[in-house]
Amino acid sequence: SKVIGTSPERHDLSGLTEPLRSHGGITEQRVPMIANRPISVPEGRTLRNFDVFDVALNLVL
């Protein structure tokens, strides 16, 4: 299994006790997201699973 990163120099893997694994495939990109406040998503933007932090920190009204 391979994992893509920016460069070997930017990733310290010495503390890992388990092997790396990649994130899920395309079928795992759609995940439910529930908020207790309105969310303002810019026109034309499609949210994906890794956008949850951006939504929580920047798009909640």
Protein backbone atom coordinates (compact mmCIF):
# COMPACT_ATOMS: atom_id res chain seq x y z
CA SER A 1 0.00 0.00 0.00
CA LYS A 2 1.27 3.47 -0.87
CA VAL A 3 0.36 6.85 0.58
CA ILE A 4 1.01 10.10 -1.25
CA GLY A 5 2.57 12.95 0.68
CA THR A 6 4.32 16.17 -0.19
CA SER A 7 7.89 14.94 0.36
CA PRO A 8 9.72 12.49 2.66
CA GLU A 9 11.41 15.39 4.47
CA ARG A 10 8.05 16.81 5.61
CA HIS A 11 6.77 13.61 7.23
CA ASP A 12 8.25 12.15 10.42
CA LEU A 13 7.15 8.51 10.47
CA SER A 14 9.48 7.44 13.28
CA GLY A 15 6.70 7.51 15.91
CA LEU A 16 4.34 5.19 14.06
CA THR A 17 3.65 1.79 15.53
CA GLU A 18 1.35 0.70 12.69
CA PRO A 19 1.92 0.83 8.94
CA LEU A 20 0.47 3.71 6.93
CA ARG A 21 -2.75 3.25 5.03
CA SER A 22 -4.33 5.49 2.47
CA HIS A 23 -7.67 7.20 2.89
CA GLY A 24 -10.75 5.55 1.47
CA GLY A 25 -11.67 5.39 -2.17
CA ILE A 26 -14.14 7.43 -4.20
CA THR A 27 -17.10 5.52 -2.74
CA GLU A 28 -16.20 6.83 0.73
CA GLN A 29 -16.11 10.52 -0.22
CA ARG A 30 -19.82 11.11 0.40
CA VAL A 31 -20.44 11.28 4.13
CA PRO A 32 -23.34 12.83 6.04
CA MET A 33 -22.64 16.20 7.63
CA ILE A 34 -25.04 17.58 10.23
CA ALA A 35 -24.84 21.11 11.64
CA ASN A 36 -26.93 22.88 14.24
CA ARG A 37 -26.53 26.23 12.43
CA PRO A 38 -27.00 27.30 8.80
CA ILE A 39 -24.01 26.73 6.51
CA SER A 40 -23.16 29.11 3.67
CA VAL A 41 -21.61 27.07 0.85
CA PRO A 42 -20.34 29.20 -2.06
CA GLU A 43 -22.17 28.75 -5.37
CA GLY A 44 -20.70 25.94 -7.44
CA ARG A 45 -18.63 24.44 -4.62
CA THR A 46 -18.98 20.72 -4.02
CA LEU A 47 -18.19 19.57 -0.49
CA ARG A 48 -16.23 16.38 0.07
CA ASN A 49 -15.40 14.38 3.19
CA PHE A 50 -12.18 16.28 3.91
CA ASP A 51 -13.98 19.66 3.82
CA VAL A 52 -15.61 19.13 7.23
CA PHE A 53 -13.04 21.25 9.09
CA ASP A 54 -13.26 24.10 6.57
CA VAL A 55 -17.06 24.06 6.87
CA ALA A 56 -16.99 24.01 10.67
CA LEU A 57 -14.42 26.79 10.96
CA ASN A 58 -15.28 29.04 8.03
CA LEU A 59 -18.72 28.41 6.55
CA VAL A 60 -21.03 28.14 9.58
CA LEU A 61 -23.10 31.32 9.92
